[in-house]
Protein backbone atom coordinates (compact mmCIF):
# COMPACT_ATOMS: atom_id res chain seq x y z
CA MET A 1 91.83 93.95 103.92
CA ARG A 2 95.33 93.59 105.55
CA LEU A 3 96.23 91.30 102.81
CA ALA A 4 95.09 93.65 100.13
CA ARG A 5 97.19 96.39 101.90
CA VAL A 6 100.43 94.14 101.72
CA TRP A 7 99.64 93.43 97.94
CA ALA A 8 99.44 97.23 97.23
CA ALA A 9 102.42 97.78 99.18
CA VAL A 10 104.50 95.32 97.24
CA SER A 11 102.98 96.49 93.64
CA LEU A 12 103.99 100.06 94.65
CA SER A 13 107.68 98.84 95.71
CA MET A 14 107.64 97.15 92.34
CA LEU A 15 106.65 100.14 90.55
CA VAL A 16 109.29 102.57 92.50
CA LEU A 17 112.14 100.10 92.11
CA PRO A 18 112.62 100.50 88.35
CA LEU A 19 111.97 104.29 88.47
CA ALA A 20 114.77 104.58 90.93
CA ALA A 21 116.99 102.52 88.66
CA GLN A 22 116.49 104.35 85.41
CA THR A 23 119.39 106.94 86.08
CA GLN A 24 122.26 104.89 84.57
CA GLY A 25 125.56 105.59 86.72
CA VAL A 26 123.80 107.10 89.58
CA SER A 27 123.44 104.94 92.99
CA LYS A 28 122.67 105.90 96.66
CA ASN A 29 126.44 106.31 97.17
CA GLU A 30 128.10 106.77 93.84
CA ILE A 31 128.21 108.43 90.57
CA VAL A 32 130.26 106.62 87.87
CA ILE A 33 131.61 108.82 85.13
CA GLY A 34 133.90 107.66 82.09
CA SER A 35 136.74 109.12 79.98
CA ILE A 36 138.50 107.83 76.73
CA GLN A 37 141.93 108.95 76.70
CA ASP A 38 144.96 108.09 74.36
CA LEU A 39 147.37 106.09 76.87
CA SER A 40 149.41 104.26 74.38
CA GLY A 41 149.31 105.99 71.14
CA PRO A 42 150.61 109.16 69.76
CA ILE A 43 149.16 111.73 71.96
CA ALA A 44 149.45 109.55 75.13
CA ALA A 45 151.55 112.13 77.02
CA PHE A 46 148.39 114.25 76.53
CA GLY A 47 145.92 111.43 77.87
CA LYS A 48 148.26 110.48 80.73
CA GLN A 49 148.08 114.36 81.88
CA ALA A 50 144.22 114.65 81.46
CA ARG A 51 143.63 111.38 83.31
CA LEU A 52 145.86 112.58 86.36
CA GLY A 53 144.19 115.94 86.37
CA MET A 54 140.69 114.21 86.53
CA MET A 55 142.07 111.81 89.11
CA LEU A 56 143.18 114.44 91.37
CA ARG A 57 139.99 116.44 91.33
CA VAL A 58 137.83 113.06 91.92
CA ASP A 59 140.27 112.41 94.95
CA GLU A 60 139.58 115.84 96.24
CA LEU A 61 135.93 115.54 95.87
CA ASN A 62 135.72 112.08 97.68
CA GLU A 63 138.03 113.29 100.60
CA GLN A 64 135.49 116.40 101.06
CA GLY A 65 132.42 113.93 101.02
CA GLY A 66 131.35 113.37 97.46
CA ILE A 67 128.17 115.60 95.87
CA HIS A 68 125.01 115.26 98.24
CA GLY A 69 126.64 112.17 99.85
CA ARG A 70 127.84 110.23 96.60
CA LYS A 71 131.33 109.73 95.73
CA LEU A 72 132.53 109.95 92.28
CA LYS A 73 133.97 107.14 90.65
CA LEU A 74 136.22 107.64 87.37
CA LEU A 75 136.82 104.92 84.88
CA VAL A 76 139.29 105.50 82.03
CA GLU A 77 139.76 103.37 78.88
CA ASP A 78 142.32 103.77 75.96
CA SER A 79 141.63 104.46 72.58
CA GLY A 80 145.46 104.58 71.46
CA TYR A 81 143.98 107.65 69.23
CA ASP A 82 142.15 105.37 67.10
CA PRO A 83 138.34 106.07 66.27
CA LYS A 84 137.76 102.30 66.01
CA ARG A 85 139.09 101.78 69.67
CA ALA A 86 137.35 104.59 70.87
CA VAL A 87 133.84 102.95 69.69
CA LEU A 88 135.13 99.79 71.55
CA ALA A 89 135.94 101.93 74.86
CA ALA A 90 132.81 103.64 74.52
CA GLN A 91 130.71 100.52 74.18
CA LYS A 92 132.48 98.96 77.37
CA LEU A 93 131.91 102.32 79.42
CA VAL A 94 128.40 102.89 78.24
CA ASN A 95 126.87 99.20 78.22
CA GLN A 96 129.01 97.48 80.70
CA ASP A 97 130.11 99.76 83.24
CA LYS A 98 127.01 101.80 83.05
CA ILE A 99 128.64 105.28 83.23
CA PHE A 100 126.47 108.56 83.97
CA VAL A 101 128.39 110.64 81.58
CA MET A 102 131.41 110.70 79.31
CA ALA A 103 133.82 113.23 80.69
CA GLY A 104 136.80 114.91 78.96
CA HIS A 105 137.43 112.33 75.83
CA ILE A 106 140.14 113.14 74.01
CA GLY A 107 140.47 113.52 70.24
CA THR A 108 138.18 114.77 67.51
CA ALA A 109 137.71 111.86 65.18
CA GLN A 110 137.50 109.50 68.18
CA ASN A 111 134.38 111.62 70.07
CA ASN A 112 132.57 111.69 66.49
CA ALA A 113 133.06 107.95 66.37
CA ALA A 114 131.65 107.16 70.14
CA MET A 115 129.25 109.83 70.59
CA PRO A 116 126.27 107.76 68.90
CA VAL A 117 127.27 104.77 71.25
CA GLN A 118 126.70 107.10 74.02
CA PHE A 119 123.69 109.08 72.85
CA GLU A 120 121.84 105.70 72.22
CA LYS A 121 121.81 105.26 75.83
CA ASN A 122 121.14 108.88 76.86
CA VAL A 123 124.79 109.45 78.15
CA ILE A 124 126.08 112.97 78.00
CA ASN A 125 129.26 113.90 76.05
CA PHE A 126 130.62 116.40 78.66
CA MET A 127 133.41 118.66 77.89
CA PRO A 128 135.67 116.51 75.38
CA ILE A 129 139.08 117.51 74.95
CA THR A 130 139.10 118.56 71.48
CA ALA A 131 137.82 122.12 69.94
CA ALA A 132 136.19 120.89 67.23
CA ARG A 133 132.73 122.41 66.23
CA GLU A 134 131.23 118.77 66.24
CA MET A 135 131.64 118.69 69.91
CA TYR A 136 128.38 121.29 70.13
CA GLU A 137 127.23 121.38 66.44
CA PRO A 138 124.75 120.54 65.34
CA PHE A 139 122.81 120.89 68.57
CA HIS A 140 122.17 117.91 70.68
CA LYS A 141 120.87 118.25 74.14
CA LEU A 142 123.60 115.67 75.38
CA LYS A 143 126.52 117.93 73.79
CA TYR A 144 128.49 120.45 76.30
CA SER A 145 131.73 121.79 74.91
CA PHE A 146 134.16 124.02 77.01
CA ALA A 147 136.90 124.58 74.20
CA VAL A 148 136.97 127.69 71.93
CA THR A 149 137.00 125.94 68.67
CA TYR A 150 140.08 125.35 66.18
CA TYR A 151 138.09 126.94 63.62
CA ASP A 152 137.68 130.21 65.92
CA GLN A 153 141.09 130.27 67.32
CA VAL A 154 142.85 130.29 63.87
CA ARG A 155 140.53 132.56 62.03
CA THR A 156 140.73 135.05 64.82
CA ALA A 157 144.67 134.99 65.27
CA LEU A 158 145.70 134.32 61.59
CA PRO A 159 144.78 137.97 60.00
CA LYS A 160 146.57 139.78 63.20
CA LEU A 161 149.48 137.67 63.16
CA ALA A 162 149.98 137.85 59.08
CA LYS A 163 149.57 141.47 59.09
CA GLU A 164 152.34 142.18 62.15
CA LYS A 165 154.56 139.76 60.18
CA GLY A 166 153.94 141.05 56.81
CA ALA A 167 153.11 137.49 55.51
CA LYS A 168 152.50 137.46 51.86
CA LYS A 169 152.25 133.60 51.26
CA VAL A 170 150.04 131.71 53.76
CA CYS A 171 150.34 127.76 53.80
CA THR A 172 149.25 124.89 56.04
CA ILE A 173 150.28 121.56 56.72
CA TYR A 174 147.63 119.52 58.52
CA GLN A 175 146.69 116.16 59.93
CA ASP A 176 144.37 114.27 57.26
CA ASP A 177 141.17 113.93 59.65
CA GLU A 178 138.43 115.94 61.30
CA PHE A 179 140.96 117.47 63.49
CA GLY A 180 143.36 118.83 60.91
CA LEU A 181 140.37 120.17 58.67
CA GLU A 182 138.96 122.11 61.33
CA VAL A 183 142.31 124.00 61.75
CA VAL A 184 142.35 124.34 57.85
CA ARG A 185 138.75 125.75 57.47
CA GLY A 186 139.65 128.36 60.28
CA ALA A 187 142.72 129.41 58.03
CA GLU A 188 140.40 129.75 55.09
CA ALA A 189 138.30 131.94 56.81
CA GLY A 190 140.93 134.05 58.45
CA MET A 191 142.54 134.48 54.70
CA LYS A 192 138.89 135.06 53.34
CA ALA A 193 138.82 137.82 56.20
CA MET A 194 142.23 139.42 54.41
CA GLY A 195 141.02 139.04 50.94
CA GLY A 196 143.42 136.29 50.13
CA GLU A 197 143.86 132.35 49.82
CA LEU A 198 146.06 130.03 51.03
CA ALA A 199 149.06 129.30 48.90
CA GLU A 200 149.91 125.97 49.52
CA ARG A 201 148.36 122.97 51.41
CA THR A 202 149.99 119.78 52.32
CA THR A 203 148.75 116.91 54.46
CA TYR A 204 150.15 113.83 56.70
CA LYS A 205 148.27 110.66 57.75
CA ARG A 206 147.79 110.27 61.66
CA GLY A 207 150.80 108.82 63.31
CA ALA A 208 152.95 110.12 60.43
CA THR A 209 156.91 110.62 61.46
CA ASP A 210 158.55 112.17 58.36
CA PHE A 211 157.69 115.53 57.13
CA SER A 212 160.35 116.14 54.68
CA SER A 213 158.15 115.96 51.61
CA GLN A 214 155.71 118.30 53.21
CA VAL A 215 158.21 120.65 54.02
CA ALA A 216 160.05 120.83 50.90
CA ARG A 217 156.67 121.59 49.23
CA MET A 218 156.11 124.51 51.39
CA LYS A 219 159.57 125.89 50.97
CA SER A 220 159.13 125.36 47.14
CA ALA A 221 155.95 127.47 47.36
CA GLY A 222 157.68 130.23 49.11
CA CYS A 223 155.59 129.98 52.37
CA ASP A 224 156.23 132.97 55.03
CA LEU A 225 153.53 131.71 57.48
CA VAL A 226 152.48 128.34 57.91
CA VAL A 227 149.30 127.39 59.94
CA LEU A 228 150.02 123.99 61.73
CA GLY A 229 147.21 121.62 61.92
CA THR A 230 149.49 119.43 63.91
CA ILE A 231 149.79 118.13 67.49
CA ILE A 232 152.87 117.21 69.26
CA ARG A 233 155.60 114.84 67.33
CA GLU A 234 154.07 116.48 64.00
CA THR A 235 154.86 119.95 65.05
CA ILE A 236 158.26 119.29 66.28
CA GLY A 237 159.11 117.24 63.20
CA THR A 238 157.78 119.88 60.83
CA ILE A 239 159.66 122.69 62.45
CA ALA A 240 162.75 120.60 62.85
CA GLU A 241 162.88 119.95 59.55
CA ALA A 242 162.21 123.45 58.05
CA ARG A 243 165.08 124.45 60.34
CA LYS A 244 167.36 121.81 59.07
CA THR A 245 166.50 123.05 55.28
CA GLY A 246 166.83 126.61 56.02
CA PHE A 247 163.00 126.99 55.71
CA SER A 248 161.97 129.96 58.42
CA PRO A 249 158.33 130.76 58.14
CA THR A 250 156.36 132.16 61.28
CA PHE A 251 154.61 129.07 62.44
CA LEU A 252 151.19 129.19 63.69
CA GLY A 253 149.48 126.34 65.69
CA SER A 254 146.28 125.95 67.65
CA SER A 255 145.63 124.78 71.02
CA ALA A 256 146.33 121.25 70.12
CA ALA A 257 150.35 122.31 69.85
CA TYR A 258 150.01 124.49 72.76
CA THR A 259 152.13 122.15 75.21
CA ASP A 260 155.31 122.10 77.19
CA LEU A 261 156.14 119.03 75.47
CA ILE A 262 157.00 120.98 72.09
CA HIS A 263 159.90 122.56 73.74
CA LYS A 264 160.84 120.03 76.18
CA LEU A 265 161.01 117.34 73.28
CA GLY A 266 162.15 119.88 70.37
CA GLY A 267 164.63 121.87 72.15
CA LYS A 268 165.76 125.19 70.69
CA ALA A 269 164.54 124.84 67.40
CA MET A 270 161.18 125.32 68.74
CA ASP A 271 161.46 128.98 69.84
CA GLY A 272 159.21 131.59 67.73
CA LEU A 273 156.55 129.21 67.45
CA TYR A 274 153.02 131.00 68.05
CA ALA A 275 149.64 128.74 69.22
CA THR A 276 146.40 129.72 70.39
CA HIS A 277 145.07 128.80 73.77
CA THR A 278 143.23 129.60 76.73
CA ALA A 279 144.37 128.09 80.21
CA GLN A 280 148.00 128.75 80.68
CA HIS A 281 150.92 126.02 81.03
CA PRO A 282 151.68 126.07 84.77
CA TYR A 283 155.14 127.10 84.91
CA LEU A 284 155.80 126.45 88.82
CA ASP A 285 158.40 129.09 89.30
CA GLU A 286 156.56 131.61 87.51
CA ALA A 287 153.08 130.70 89.05
CA SER A 288 151.03 132.41 91.52
CA GLN A 289 150.50 130.91 94.99
CA PRO A 290 147.35 129.31 94.44
CA ILE A 291 148.81 127.44 91.18
CA ARG A 292 151.93 126.32 93.33
CA PHE A 293 149.67 124.99 96.20
CA TRP A 294 147.79 122.86 93.33
CA ALA A 295 150.95 121.74 91.80
CA THR A 296 152.42 120.58 94.72
CA LYS A 297 149.38 118.54 95.61
CA TYR A 298 149.71 117.19 92.01
CA LYS A 299 153.35 116.25 92.17
CA THR A 300 152.86 114.75 95.60
CA LYS A 301 150.51 112.39 94.30
CA PHE A 302 151.82 111.50 90.94
CA ASN A 303 155.57 112.46 91.11
CA GLU A 304 155.64 114.60 88.64
CA ASP A 305 154.96 118.05 87.49
CA PRO A 306 151.42 119.28 85.98
CA THR A 307 150.90 120.62 82.42
CA VAL A 308 148.25 122.31 80.74
CA PHE A 309 146.31 119.11 79.83
CA SER A 310 146.44 118.19 83.77
CA VAL A 311 144.53 121.58 83.95
CA TYR A 312 141.83 120.64 81.47
CA GLY A 313 141.35 117.10 83.06
CA TYR A 314 140.76 118.86 86.44
CA ASN A 315 138.91 121.65 85.22
CA ILE A 316 136.46 119.21 83.53
CA VAL A 317 135.88 117.28 86.62
CA GLU A 318 135.19 120.69 88.56
CA ALA A 319 132.70 121.66 86.02
CA PHE A 320 130.98 118.30 86.29
CA ILE A 321 131.04 118.80 90.18
CA ARG A 322 129.49 122.18 89.81
CA ALA A 323 126.37 121.03 87.55
CA ALA A 324 125.96 117.74 89.75
CA GLN A 325 125.74 119.81 92.80
CA LYS A 326 123.70 122.28 91.42
CA ALA A 327 121.11 119.48 90.02
CA GLY A 328 120.57 118.57 93.60
CA PRO A 329 120.18 115.11 95.47
CA ASN A 330 117.95 113.69 92.70
CA LEU A 331 120.44 113.48 90.03
CA THR A 332 119.46 112.56 86.64
CA VAL A 333 120.05 113.18 83.07
CA GLU A 334 117.48 115.73 83.06
CA SER A 335 118.01 117.32 85.97
CA PHE A 336 121.89 117.63 85.14
CA ILE A 337 120.79 119.32 81.90
CA LYS A 338 118.60 121.63 83.47
CA SER A 339 121.56 122.30 86.05
CA MET A 340 124.15 123.05 83.04
CA ASP A 341 121.85 124.98 80.95
CA THR A 342 121.94 128.04 83.51
CA MET A 343 125.50 126.97 84.35
CA VAL A 344 128.10 129.91 84.75
CA ILE A 345 131.65 128.81 85.47
CA PRO A 346 134.11 132.03 86.60
CA PRO A 347 137.49 132.41 85.38
CA ASP A 348 139.97 130.12 87.26
CA ILE A 349 143.45 130.36 88.81
CA PHE A 350 144.92 129.08 85.54
CA GLY A 351 143.70 132.04 83.25
CA SER A 352 140.59 130.34 81.95
CA PRO A 353 138.09 132.47 80.73
CA GLU A 354 134.45 132.46 82.18
CA SER A 355 132.17 129.81 80.64
CA THR A 356 128.44 130.11 80.60
CA PHE A 357 125.99 127.73 79.03
CA THR A 358 122.12 127.67 78.39
CA ALA A 359 119.54 125.76 76.73
CA THR A 360 120.86 126.57 73.07
CA LYS A 361 124.30 127.50 73.99
CA ARG A 362 126.56 124.52 74.39
CA LEU A 363 130.00 126.03 74.13
CA GLY A 364 130.94 127.60 77.10
CA SER A 365 133.48 130.10 75.59
CA ASP A 366 134.43 131.44 72.06
CA VAL A 367 137.62 133.43 73.10
CA SER A 368 141.13 132.84 72.69
CA ARG A 369 144.58 134.27 73.14
CA LEU A 370 148.25 133.96 71.66
CA SER A 371 151.20 132.60 73.00
CA GLN A 372 154.91 132.16 71.68
CA ILE A 373 157.49 130.05 72.69
CA GLN A 374 160.60 132.24 73.75
CA ASP A 375 163.72 130.88 75.24
CA GLY A 376 162.05 127.67 75.69
CA ARG A 377 158.84 128.74 77.52
CA TRP A 378 155.28 129.64 76.30
CA LYS A 379 154.80 133.38 76.76
CA VAL A 380 151.33 134.93 76.36
CA VAL A 381 151.76 137.67 73.61
CA SER A 382 147.87 138.65 73.40
CA ASP A 383 144.94 139.23 75.48
CA TYR A 384 141.58 137.37 74.60
CA VAL A 385 140.11 137.98 71.48
CA LYS A 386 136.51 137.16 70.51
CA PRO A 387 136.13 135.76 66.95
């Protein structure tokens, strides 16, 4: 009987151990999260800033003792803003590093390429840094998105701005990929709401640096408002070329163009650009005391000022921490999903709106507002507006 009890105990331990090991990326002392950023490509500045923001919140948490006794480990891979490299990065993080979630992956085409790799291994795509609708549509239990879509941003802002400026011919220049197409679809919906259509469309390939032919085409069409499906250097390049040729329409960008790098790199020529956004860029001499305190920690650790993409990275990890804490000590994919599906994330010090999630609502917020570059700084010019 003693021998039988020993064998029963051994059999039970053999049964329990595999069950305990089922949740990838979660051990007794650690939770492993992954992220894919552009650290070497055309939006490497964004990727670096997002990564540092994530690192700051991870370090803060670990100094405080972690989540139910588990420290957070962040692993970041470089995609170079290339969807093929994003797939390879996802394969490494998911299959080799065994991450629990993919958090803050940057880029629309890159996320679309990588998500199948994650979903095959039951790895959540958590709050990617892209505002494409594919980040929460079609519904998938492993998708959670925080960013009001490019589509809703543009379709909401365009009619109001066009009316205010008395625009007669609205045109667009956009990146020839999923990101650019989402901006254009928003512009089309905005024009439809006004009873009109886009007067001219012109595209560029990801990584392009010369926009002279596209600008000439829009100038020839007599465009007086241009919707920009552009990011950093494409925004700067398009506007700089327009100024050089005496072409002076109103320019409207999405949150992808809402960055201090536009006016830092583009200079005075960028004044007048409008862009949609949620969180504000933290200009430290204008910031509230809580933001200055946060920014001082950031600068002390990384020896540079934070940006709005630093805020995105920080807030994404903060949201993960909230959900993981709420899920309890027995952290699994299922308990995390259950936690997220009743999650309310309140407005933060950076001006972000409240985010809410349910079992059927996987986009945290659908409101956006408008800012304009005035005298070399982004200035908020509208309140939050629902689409």
